[in-house]
Amino acid sequence: MIKIGVGIVTYNPNIERLRMNIESIYKQCKNLVIVDNNSNNINELTELIKGYNITLIKNIKNLGIATALNQIMATLQSHQIEWVLTLDQDSVAEEDMLLKYLDVIDTTNVGIICPTIRDRNTKSESQIRESTSLINRCITSGALTKISVWEEAGKYDGQMFIDWVDFDFCIRVEKIGYKIIRVNNAVLMHEIGKITYSQFLIFKIEVQNHSAFRKFYMAQNIVYISRKYHYNRVSFMTILRLLKMIVLVTFYEENKKSKLMNIFKGIKRGMKLTINFKE
């Protein structure tokens, strides 16, 4: 029998949303680890999980999503778990999501299984007829990852802290020959930023409205990943992504000055980070 565990990273979570998250997934799997990155409401979180058999790891400072994910994987690996489902603190899985994953878990060379994401902001999801799809990128929330693949791929890159951590990991999973499979009828409720829409001529512009803090890491990691996989060069597509971010902030977002400053600081930092993995 395949042994599955669940890991959730928390940082100042909305307690009611986290309760929904835990209740939904705990019905499907009892091997659950929470890594908390020094939340202000840790006492409320501790009170919430009473009555559940949950391992809680309390970091004394915010170590970022990548390091926390590695803590989850290592903890569950020590309990002889083979696959780990990772969830964001505000995601809520459908009650049979893991059961649907089991239908494809024995697929040859599968490293990650993921769901269809239904965004709370838009209520939209992909309309796909096939039962499964081979994809090359998925977000961490809802991803069921084989622990041996996590280890072989080099684990999550702690330098990245937050944003693009999952996509970087997916690149490395594919590079070592493993598949990422989306189970299209498995649904995860998730929130991607604070999405708003603006009109430019005939075009509908999606604006995700991330904080200035997040803009720093988004810019840093876009540059870092480009250097990591393009022989220490910044690709043309990376430049376009950064320009798009700058344009969207300039014309459509609030707190422009702080966000733009953080984007440029992030670009500078991304150029200085040491490349962790040999390609």
C-alpha atoms as a PDB file:
ATOM      1  CA  MET A   1       0.000   0.000   0.000  1.00  0.00           C
ATOM      2  CA  ILE A   2       1.331   3.432  -0.982  1.00  0.00           C
ATOM      3  CA  LYS A   3       2.049   5.687   1.990  1.00  0.00           C
ATOM      4  CA  ILE A   4       0.898   9.295   1.517  1.00  0.00           C
ATOM      5  CA  GLY A   5       1.422  12.320   3.759  1.00  0.00           C
ATOM      6  CA  VAL A   6       0.214  15.919   3.632  1.00  0.00           C
ATOM      7  CA  GLY A   7       2.137  19.111   4.351  1.00  0.00           C
ATOM      8  CA  ILE A   8       0.889  22.671   4.840  1.00  0.00           C
ATOM      9  CA  VAL A   9       3.098  25.758   5.197  1.00  0.00           C
ATOM     10  CA  THR A  10       1.535  28.529   7.293  1.00  0.00           C
ATOM     11  CA  TYR A  11       2.313  32.192   7.825  1.00  0.00           C
ATOM     12  CA  ASN A  12      -0.274  34.395   9.566  1.00  0.00           C
ATOM     13  CA  PRO A  13      -3.081  32.208   8.194  1.00  0.00           C
ATOM     14  CA  ASN A  14      -6.758  33.035   8.122  1.00  0.00           C
ATOM     15  CA  ILE A  15      -7.809  30.575  10.829  1.00  0.00           C
ATOM     16  CA  GLU A  16     -11.262  29.835   9.447  1.00  0.00           C
ATOM     17  CA  ARG A  17      -9.906  29.147   5.950  1.00  0.00           C
ATOM     18  CA  LEU A  18      -7.163  26.979   7.434  1.00  0.00           C
ATOM     19  CA  ARG A  19      -9.817  25.069   9.386  1.00  0.00           C
ATOM     20  CA  MET A  20     -11.650  24.324   6.129  1.00  0.00           C
ATOM     21  CA  ASN A  21      -8.358  23.241   4.545  1.00  0.00           C
ATOM     22  CA  ILE A  22      -7.478  20.852   7.374  1.00  0.00           C
ATOM     23  CA  GLU A  23     -10.984  19.402   7.706  1.00  0.00           C
ATOM     24  CA  SER A  24     -11.151  18.662   3.987  1.00  0.00           C
ATOM     25  CA  ILE A  25      -7.789  16.945   3.670  1.00  0.00           C
ATOM     26  CA  TYR A  26      -7.751  15.216   7.074  1.00  0.00           C
ATOM     27  CA  LYS A  27     -10.727  13.104   5.972  1.00  0.00           C
ATOM     28  CA  GLN A  28      -8.523  11.823   3.151  1.00  0.00           C
ATOM     29  CA  CYS A  29      -5.169  11.438   4.920  1.00  0.00           C
ATOM     30  CA  LYS A  30      -4.186  11.414   8.603  1.00  0.00           C
ATOM     31  CA  ASN A  31      -0.410  11.857   8.087  1.00  0.00           C
ATOM     32  CA  LEU A  32      -0.328  15.647   8.264  1.00  0.00           C
ATOM     33  CA  VAL A  33       2.541  18.038   8.985  1.00  0.00           C
ATOM     34  CA  ILE A  34       2.247  21.807   9.375  1.00  0.00           C
ATOM     35  CA  VAL A  35       5.350  23.986   9.225  1.00  0.00           C
ATOM     36  CA  ASP A  36       4.668  27.454  10.594  1.00  0.00           C
ATOM     37  CA  ASN A  37       6.953  30.330   9.585  1.00  0.00           C
ATOM     38  CA  ASN A  38       6.654  32.320  12.833  1.00  0.00           C
ATOM     39  CA  SER A  39       3.017  33.406  12.513  1.00  0.00           C
ATOM     40  CA  ASN A  40       1.651  36.177  14.711  1.00  0.00           C
ATOM     41  CA  ASN A  41      -1.410  34.022  15.397  1.00  0.00           C
ATOM     42  CA  ILE A  42       0.468  30.821  16.282  1.00  0.00           C
ATOM     43  CA  ASN A  43      -1.580  30.419  19.483  1.00  0.00           C
ATOM     44  CA  GLU A  44      -4.808  30.343  17.456  1.00  0.00           C
ATOM     45  CA  LEU A  45      -3.239  27.867  15.047  1.00  0.00           C
ATOM     46  CA  THR A  46      -2.111  25.638  17.932  1.00  0.00           C
ATOM     47  CA  GLU A  47      -5.607  25.724  19.391  1.00  0.00           C
ATOM     48  CA  LEU A  48      -7.129  24.899  15.998  1.00  0.00           C
ATOM     49  CA  ILE A  49      -5.206  21.656  15.523  1.00  0.00           C
ATOM     50  CA  LYS A  50      -6.055  20.232  18.947  1.00  0.00           C
ATOM     51  CA  GLY A  51      -7.973  17.038  18.406  1.00  0.00           C
ATOM     52  CA  TYR A  52      -6.105  16.244  15.193  1.00  0.00           C
ATOM     53  CA  ASN A  53      -3.042  14.034  15.013  1.00  0.00           C
ATOM     54  CA  ILE A  54      -0.949  16.741  13.331  1.00  0.00           C
ATOM     55  CA  THR A  55       2.796  17.330  13.616  1.00  0.00           C
ATOM     56  CA  LEU A  56       3.431  21.063  14.074  1.00  0.00           C
ATOM     57  CA  ILE A  57       6.908  22.460  13.406  1.00  0.00           C
ATOM     58  CA  LYS A  58       7.357  26.029  14.650  1.00  0.00           C
ATOM     59  CA  ASN A  59      10.111  28.015  12.934  1.00  0.00           C
ATOM     60  CA  ILE A  60      11.482  30.882  15.040  1.00  0.00           C
ATOM     61  CA  LYS A  61      11.505  33.157  11.978  1.00  0.00           C
ATOM     62  CA  ASN A  62      10.040  33.193   8.483  1.00  0.00           C
ATOM     63  CA  LEU A  63      12.316  30.857   6.527  1.00  0.00           C
ATOM     64  CA  GLY A  64      10.297  31.095   3.323  1.00  0.00           C
ATOM     65  CA  ILE A  65       8.183  28.587   1.427  1.00  0.00           C
ATOM     66  CA  ALA A  66      11.040  26.566  -0.105  1.00  0.00           C
ATOM     67  CA  THR A  67      12.793  25.805   3.188  1.00  0.00           C
ATOM     68  CA  ALA A  68       9.465  24.995   4.861  1.00  0.00           C
ATOM     69  CA  LEU A  69       8.559  22.601   2.031  1.00  0.00           C
ATOM     70  CA  ASN A  70      11.900  20.840   2.485  1.00  0.00           C
ATOM     71  CA  GLN A  71      11.158  20.527   6.209  1.00  0.00           C
ATOM     72  CA  ILE A  72       7.806  18.902   5.397  1.00  0.00           C
ATOM     73  CA  MET A  73       9.368  16.470   2.948  1.00  0.00           C
ATOM     74  CA  ALA A  74      12.196  15.498   5.295  1.00  0.00           C
ATOM     75  CA  THR A  75       9.827  15.008   8.240  1.00  0.00           C
ATOM     76  CA  LEU A  76       7.450  12.771   6.302  1.00  0.00           C
ATOM     77  CA  GLN A  77      10.360  10.919   4.697  1.00  0.00           C
ATOM     78  CA  SER A  78      11.561  10.010   8.200  1.00  0.00           C
ATOM     79  CA  HIS A  79       8.123   8.429   8.759  1.00  0.00           C
ATOM     80  CA  GLN A  80       8.581   6.224   5.655  1.00  0.00           C
ATOM     81  CA  ILE A  81       6.074   8.250   3.611  1.00  0.00           C
ATOM     82  CA  GLU A  82       6.467   7.785  -0.168  1.00  0.00           C
ATOM     83  CA  TRP A  83       4.326  10.614  -1.594  1.00  0.00           C
ATOM     84  CA  VAL A  84       3.565  14.059  -0.143  1.00  0.00           C
ATOM     85  CA  LEU A  85       0.609  16.300  -0.960  1.00  0.00           C
ATOM     86  CA  THR A  86       1.546  19.945  -0.385  1.00  0.00           C
ATOM     87  CA  LEU A  87      -1.118  22.580   0.230  1.00  0.00           C
ATOM     88  CA  ASP A  88      -1.122  26.342   0.658  1.00  0.00           C
ATOM     89  CA  GLN A  89      -2.736  27.475   3.906  1.00  0.00           C
ATOM     90  CA  ASP A  90      -5.794  28.893   2.125  1.00  0.00           C
ATOM     91  CA  SER A  91      -6.402  26.102  -0.396  1.00  0.00           C
ATOM     92  CA  VAL A  92      -9.267  23.639   0.018  1.00  0.00           C
ATOM     93  CA  ALA A  93      -9.228  20.236  -1.673  1.00  0.00           C
ATOM     94  CA  GLU A  94     -12.329  18.432  -2.885  1.00  0.00           C
ATOM     95  CA  GLU A  95     -13.229  15.525  -0.629  1.00  0.00           C
ATOM     96  CA  ASP A  96     -12.118  12.847  -3.113  1.00  0.00           C
ATOM     97  CA  MET A  97      -9.053  14.554  -4.599  1.00  0.00           C
ATOM     98  CA  LEU A  98      -6.499  12.059  -3.279  1.00  0.00           C
ATOM     99  CA  LEU A  99      -8.670   9.131  -4.329  1.00  0.00           C
ATOM    100  CA  LYS A 100      -8.637  10.450  -7.893  1.00  0.00           C
ATOM    101  CA  TYR A 101      -4.850  10.783  -7.743  1.00  0.00           C
ATOM    102  CA  LEU A 102      -4.517   7.091  -6.874  1.00  0.00           C
ATOM    103  CA  ASP A 103      -5.807   6.177 -10.341  1.00  0.00           C
ATOM    104  CA  VAL A 104      -2.595   7.489 -11.933  1.00  0.00           C
ATOM    105  CA  ILE A 105      -0.056   7.120  -9.139  1.00  0.00           C
ATOM    106  CA  ASP A 106       1.427   3.958 -10.683  1.00  0.00           C
ATOM    107  CA  THR A 107       1.964   5.602 -14.083  1.00  0.00           C
ATOM    108  CA  THR A 108       5.507   4.982 -15.314  1.00  0.00           C
ATOM    109  CA  ASN A 109       7.968   7.738 -14.381  1.00  0.00           C
ATOM    110  CA  VAL A 110       5.396  10.049 -12.781  1.00  0.00           C
ATOM    111  CA  GLY A 111       7.030  12.449 -10.330  1.00  0.00           C
ATOM    112  CA  ILE A 112       4.218  14.911  -9.576  1.00  0.00           C
ATOM    113  CA  ILE A 113       0.425  14.615  -9.752  1.00  0.00           C
ATOM    114  CA  CYS A 114      -1.617  17.811  -9.606  1.00  0.00           C
ATOM    115  CA  PRO A 115      -5.251  18.993  -9.814  1.00  0.00           C
ATOM    116  CA  THR A 116      -7.257  21.453 -11.833  1.00  0.00           C
ATOM    117  CA  ILE A 117      -7.104  24.813 -10.033  1.00  0.00           C
ATOM    118  CA  ARG A 118     -10.352  26.688  -9.477  1.00  0.00           C
ATOM    119  CA  ASP A 119      -9.521  30.312  -8.620  1.00  0.00           C
ATOM    120  CA  ARG A 120     -11.783  31.845  -5.967  1.00  0.00           C
ATOM    121  CA  ASN A 121     -11.352  35.272  -7.562  1.00  0.00           C
ATOM    122  CA  THR A 122     -12.665  34.280 -10.979  1.00  0.00           C
ATOM    123  CA  LYS A 123     -14.567  31.041 -10.235  1.00  0.00           C
ATOM    124  CA  SER A 124     -13.015  29.759 -13.429  1.00  0.00           C
ATOM    125  CA  GLU A 125     -11.253  26.530 -14.287  1.00  0.00           C
ATOM    126  CA  SER A 126     -10.007  24.897 -17.460  1.00  0.00           C
ATOM    127  CA  GLN A 127     -12.618  23.044 -19.489  1.00  0.00           C
ATOM    128  CA  ILE A 128     -10.746  19.893 -20.507  1.00  0.00           C
ATOM    129  CA  ARG A 129     -12.280  16.678 -21.837  1.00  0.00           C
ATOM    130  CA  GLU A 130      -9.359  14.330 -21.263  1.00  0.00           C
ATOM    131  CA  SER A 131      -9.180  12.613 -17.858  1.00  0.00           C
ATOM    132  CA  THR A 132      -5.495  13.484 -17.463  1.00  0.00           C
ATOM    133  CA  SER A 133      -2.991  15.812 -19.111  1.00  0.00           C
ATOM    134  CA  LEU A 134       0.786  15.759 -19.290  1.00  0.00           C
ATOM    135  CA  ILE A 135       1.975  19.240 -18.322  1.00  0.00           C
ATOM    136  CA  ASN A 136       5.357  20.805 -17.635  1.00  0.00           C
ATOM    137  CA  ARG A 137       4.549  23.191 -14.774  1.00  0.00           C
ATOM    138  CA  CYS A 138       2.253  23.148 -11.746  1.00  0.00           C
ATOM    139  CA  ILE A 139       1.917  25.109  -8.542  1.00  0.00           C
ATOM    140  CA  THR A 140       2.919  23.563  -5.222  1.00  0.00           C
ATOM    141  CA  SER A 141      -0.564  23.701  -3.730  1.00  0.00           C
ATOM    142  CA  GLY A 142      -2.381  20.489  -4.566  1.00  0.00           C
ATOM    143  CA  ALA A 143       0.759  18.801  -5.925  1.00  0.00           C
ATOM    144  CA  LEU A 144       1.394  15.204  -4.868  1.00  0.00           C
ATOM    145  CA  THR A 145       5.140  14.683  -5.136  1.00  0.00           C
ATOM    146  CA  LYS A 146       7.123  11.476  -4.873  1.00  0.00           C
ATOM    147  CA  ILE A 147       9.711  11.904  -2.123  1.00  0.00           C
ATOM    148  CA  SER A 148      12.419   9.990  -3.986  1.00  0.00           C
ATOM    149  CA  VAL A 149      11.943  12.383  -6.937  1.00  0.00           C
ATOM    150  CA  TRP A 150      12.112  15.425  -4.616  1.00  0.00           C
ATOM    151  CA  GLU A 151      15.459  14.137  -3.373  1.00  0.00           C
ATOM    152  CA  GLU A 152      16.820  13.204  -6.797  1.00  0.00           C
ATOM    153  CA  ALA A 153      15.804  16.576  -8.279  1.00  0.00           C
ATOM    154  CA  GLY A 154      17.767  18.451  -5.608  1.00  0.00           C
ATOM    155  CA  LYS A 155      14.874  19.463  -3.303  1.00  0.00           C
ATOM    156  CA  TYR A 156      13.309  22.943  -3.265  1.00  0.00           C
ATOM    157  CA  ASP A 157      15.734  25.824  -3.718  1.00  0.00           C
ATOM    158  CA  GLY A 158      15.871  27.702  -0.394  1.00  0.00           C
ATOM    159  CA  GLN A 159      17.446  30.795  -1.950  1.00  0.00           C
ATOM    160  CA  MET A 160      14.195  31.586  -3.732  1.00  0.00           C
ATOM    161  CA  PHE A 161      12.184  32.023  -0.485  1.00  0.00           C
ATOM    162  CA  ILE A 162       8.788  32.458  -2.209  1.00  0.00           C
ATOM    163  CA  ASP A 163       7.412  32.744  -5.784  1.00  0.00           C
ATOM    164  CA  TRP A 164       8.531  30.577  -8.705  1.00  0.00           C
ATOM    165  CA  VAL A 165       9.802  27.944  -6.226  1.00  0.00           C
ATOM    166  CA  ASP A 166       7.344  25.428  -7.658  1.00  0.00           C
ATOM    167  CA  PHE A 167       8.141  26.158 -11.302  1.00  0.00           C
ATOM    168  CA  ASP A 168      11.876  25.881 -10.644  1.00  0.00           C
ATOM    169  CA  PHE A 169      11.300  22.495  -9.016  1.00  0.00           C
ATOM    170  CA  CYS A 170       9.154  21.325 -11.944  1.00  0.00           C
ATOM    171  CA  ILE A 171      11.914  22.207 -14.400  1.00  0.00           C
ATOM    172  CA  ARG A 172      14.339  20.000 -12.486  1.00  0.00           C
ATOM    173  CA  VAL A 173      11.830  17.148 -12.154  1.00  0.00           C
ATOM    174  CA  GLU A 174      11.426  17.110 -15.940  1.00  0.00           C
ATOM    175  CA  LYS A 175      15.167  17.376 -16.502  1.00  0.00           C
ATOM    176  CA  ILE A 176      15.745  14.100 -14.641  1.00  0.00           C
ATOM    177  CA  GLY A 177      13.106  12.333 -16.724  1.00  0.00           C
ATOM    178  CA  TYR A 178       9.907  12.380 -14.658  1.00  0.00           C
ATOM    179  CA  LYS A 179       6.379  13.316 -15.727  1.00  0.00           C
ATOM    180  CA  ILE A 180       3.963  15.844 -14.257  1.00  0.00           C
ATOM    181  CA  ILE A 181       0.375  14.638 -14.641  1.00  0.00           C
ATOM    182  CA  ARG A 182      -2.721  16.754 -14.065  1.00  0.00           C
ATOM    183  CA  VAL A 183      -5.856  14.866 -13.044  1.00  0.00           C
ATOM    184  CA  ASN A 184      -8.452  17.071 -14.669  1.00  0.00           C
ATOM    185  CA  ASN A 185     -11.450  16.040 -12.603  1.00  0.00           C
ATOM    186  CA  ALA A 186      -9.604  16.581  -9.304  1.00  0.00           C
ATOM    187  CA  VAL A 187     -10.303  20.156  -8.198  1.00  0.00           C
ATOM    188  CA  LEU A 188      -8.529  22.443  -5.727  1.00  0.00           C
ATOM    189  CA  MET A 189     -10.014  25.734  -4.591  1.00  0.00           C
ATOM    190  CA  HIS A 190      -7.186  28.257  -4.549  1.00  0.00           C
ATOM    191  CA  GLU A 191      -6.577  31.987  -4.637  1.00  0.00           C
ATOM    192  CA  ILE A 192      -4.002  33.458  -7.030  1.00  0.00           C
ATOM    193  CA  GLY A 193      -3.219  36.956  -5.816  1.00  0.00           C
ATOM    194  CA  LYS A 194      -5.993  39.555  -5.522  1.00  0.00           C
ATOM    195  CA  ILE A 195      -6.968  39.539  -9.164  1.00  0.00           C
ATOM    196  CA  THR A 196      -8.709  42.519 -10.729  1.00  0.00           C
ATOM    197  CA  TYR A 197      -9.374  43.281 -14.387  1.00  0.00           C
ATOM    198  CA  SER A 198      -8.808  46.467 -16.348  1.00  0.00           C
ATOM    199  CA  GLN A 199      -9.714  47.362 -19.909  1.00  0.00           C
ATOM    200  CA  PHE A 200      -7.138  48.558 -22.455  1.00  0.00           C
ATOM    201  CA  LEU A 201      -8.798  49.228 -25.830  1.00  0.00           C
ATOM    202  CA  ILE A 202     -10.368  45.852 -26.718  1.00  0.00           C
ATOM    203  CA  PHE A 203      -8.126  43.899 -24.329  1.00  0.00           C
ATOM    204  CA  LYS A 204      -9.011  42.679 -20.849  1.00  0.00           C
ATOM    205  CA  ILE A 205      -5.948  43.048 -18.605  1.00  0.00           C
ATOM    206  CA  GLU A 206      -5.522  40.697 -15.626  1.00  0.00           C
ATOM    207  CA  VAL A 207      -3.788  42.347 -12.662  1.00  0.00           C
ATOM    208  CA  GLN A 208      -2.786  40.120  -9.739  1.00  0.00           C
ATOM    209  CA  ASN A 209      -2.020  42.944  -7.262  1.00  0.00           C
ATOM    210  CA  HIS A 210       0.723  41.219  -5.288  1.00  0.00           C
ATOM    211  CA  SER A 211       2.320  43.154  -2.424  1.00  0.00           C
ATOM    212  CA  ALA A 212       5.599  45.055  -2.721  1.00  0.00           C
ATOM    213  CA  PHE A 213       7.210  42.272  -0.648  1.00  0.00           C
ATOM    214  CA  ARG A 214       6.088  39.681  -3.201  1.00  0.00           C
ATOM    215  CA  LYS A 215       7.147  41.861  -6.148  1.00  0.00           C
ATOM    216  CA  PHE A 216      10.727  41.750  -4.839  1.00  0.00           C
ATOM    217  CA  TYR A 217      10.845  37.952  -4.834  1.00  0.00           C
ATOM    218  CA  MET A 218       8.980  37.624  -8.113  1.00  0.00           C
ATOM    219  CA  ALA A 219      11.539  39.855  -9.849  1.00  0.00           C
ATOM    220  CA  GLN A 220      14.480  38.233  -8.062  1.00  0.00           C
ATOM    221  CA  ASN A 221      13.420  34.715  -8.940  1.00  0.00           C
ATOM    222  CA  ILE A 222      12.492  35.442 -12.553  1.00  0.00           C
ATOM    223  CA  VAL A 223      16.063  36.671 -13.047  1.00  0.00           C
ATOM    224  CA  TYR A 224      17.590  33.871 -10.960  1.00  0.00           C
ATOM    225  CA  ILE A 225      15.768  31.090 -12.826  1.00  0.00           C
ATOM    226  CA  SER A 226      16.772  32.585 -16.165  1.00  0.00           C
ATOM    227  CA  ARG A 227      20.425  32.621 -15.120  1.00  0.00           C
ATOM    228  CA  LYS A 228      20.099  29.120 -13.684  1.00  0.00           C
ATOM    229  CA  TYR A 229      18.867  27.524 -16.901  1.00  0.00           C
ATOM    230  CA  HIS A 230      20.411  29.779 -19.564  1.00  0.00           C
ATOM    231  CA  TYR A 231      24.075  29.416 -18.665  1.00  0.00           C
ATOM    232  CA  ASN A 232      24.095  32.448 -16.350  1.00  0.00           C
ATOM    233  CA  ARG A 233      22.399  34.657 -18.962  1.00  0.00           C
ATOM    234  CA  VAL A 234      19.120  36.537 -18.725  1.00  0.00           C
ATOM    235  CA  SER A 235      16.874  35.442 -21.606  1.00  0.00           C
ATOM    236  CA  PHE A 236      14.785  37.686 -23.835  1.00  0.00           C
ATOM    237  CA  MET A 237      11.576  36.164 -22.391  1.00  0.00           C
ATOM    238  CA  THR A 238      12.771  37.087 -18.894  1.00  0.00           C
ATOM    239  CA  ILE A 239      13.207  40.704 -19.961  1.00  0.00           C
ATOM    240  CA  LEU A 240       9.670  40.689 -21.399  1.00  0.00           C
ATOM    241  CA  ARG A 241       8.248  39.253 -18.156  1.00  0.00           C
ATOM    242  CA  LEU A 242       9.950  41.943 -16.103  1.00  0.00           C
ATOM    243  CA  LEU A 243       8.771  44.675 -18.464  1.00  0.00           C
ATOM    244  CA  LYS A 244       5.214  43.353 -18.236  1.00  0.00           C
ATOM    245  CA  MET A 245       5.389  43.434 -14.432  1.00  0.00           C
ATOM    246  CA  ILE A 246       6.682  47.015 -14.465  1.00  0.00           C
ATOM    247  CA  VAL A 247       3.999  48.153 -16.933  1.00  0.00           C
ATOM    248  CA  LEU A 248       1.159  46.540 -14.958  1.00  0.00           C
ATOM    249  CA  VAL A 249       2.333  48.138 -11.711  1.00  0.00           C
ATOM    250  CA  THR A 250       2.822  51.531 -13.358  1.00  0.00           C
ATOM    251  CA  PHE A 251      -0.597  51.713 -14.983  1.00  0.00           C
ATOM    252  CA  TYR A 252      -2.935  49.452 -13.021  1.00  0.00           C
ATOM    253  CA  GLU A 253      -1.797  48.871  -9.428  1.00  0.00           C
ATOM    254  CA  GLU A 254      -1.724  50.885  -6.221  1.00  0.00           C
ATOM    255  CA  ASN A 255       1.368  51.569  -4.104  1.00  0.00           C
ATOM    256  CA  LYS A 256       3.353  52.035  -7.321  1.00  0.00           C
ATOM    257  CA  LYS A 257       6.514  53.604  -5.900  1.00  0.00           C
ATOM    258  CA  SER A 258       7.137  50.884  -3.322  1.00  0.00           C
ATOM    259  CA  LYS A 259       6.368  48.077  -5.753  1.00  0.00           C
ATOM    260  CA  LEU A 260       8.601  49.472  -8.504  1.00  0.00           C
ATOM    261  CA  MET A 261      11.467  50.006  -6.064  1.00  0.00           C
ATOM    262  CA  ASN A 262      11.132  46.414  -4.898  1.00  0.00           C
ATOM    263  CA  ILE A 263      11.042  45.103  -8.472  1.00  0.00           C
ATOM    264  CA  PHE A 264      14.341  46.833  -9.273  1.00  0.00           C
ATOM    265  CA  LYS A 265      15.870  45.659  -5.971  1.00  0.00           C
ATOM    266  CA  GLY A 266      14.729  42.144  -6.812  1.00  0.00           C
ATOM    267  CA  ILE A 267      16.318  42.282 -10.269  1.00  0.00           C
ATOM    268  CA  LYS A 268      19.594  43.414  -8.720  1.00  0.00           C
ATOM    269  CA  ARG A 269      19.459  40.664  -6.106  1.00  0.00           C
ATOM    270  CA  GLY A 270      18.605  38.025  -8.711  1.00  0.00           C
ATOM    271  CA  MET A 271      21.740  38.918 -10.656  1.00  0.00           C
ATOM    272  CA  LYS A 272      23.875  38.331  -7.548  1.00  0.00           C
ATOM    273  CA  LEU A 273      22.474  35.047  -6.228  1.00  0.00           C
ATOM    274  CA  THR A 274      24.768  32.056  -6.467  1.00  0.00           C
ATOM    275  CA  ILE A 275      23.457  29.325  -8.755  1.00  0.00           C
ATOM    276  CA  ASN A 276      22.729  26.341  -6.513  1.00  0.00           C
ATOM    277  CA  PHE A 277      22.417  23.519  -8.987  1.00  0.00           C
ATOM    278  CA  LYS A 278      24.671  22.304 -11.760  1.00  0.00           C
ATOM    279  CA  GLU A 279      22.801  21.646 -14.981  1.00  0.00           C
END
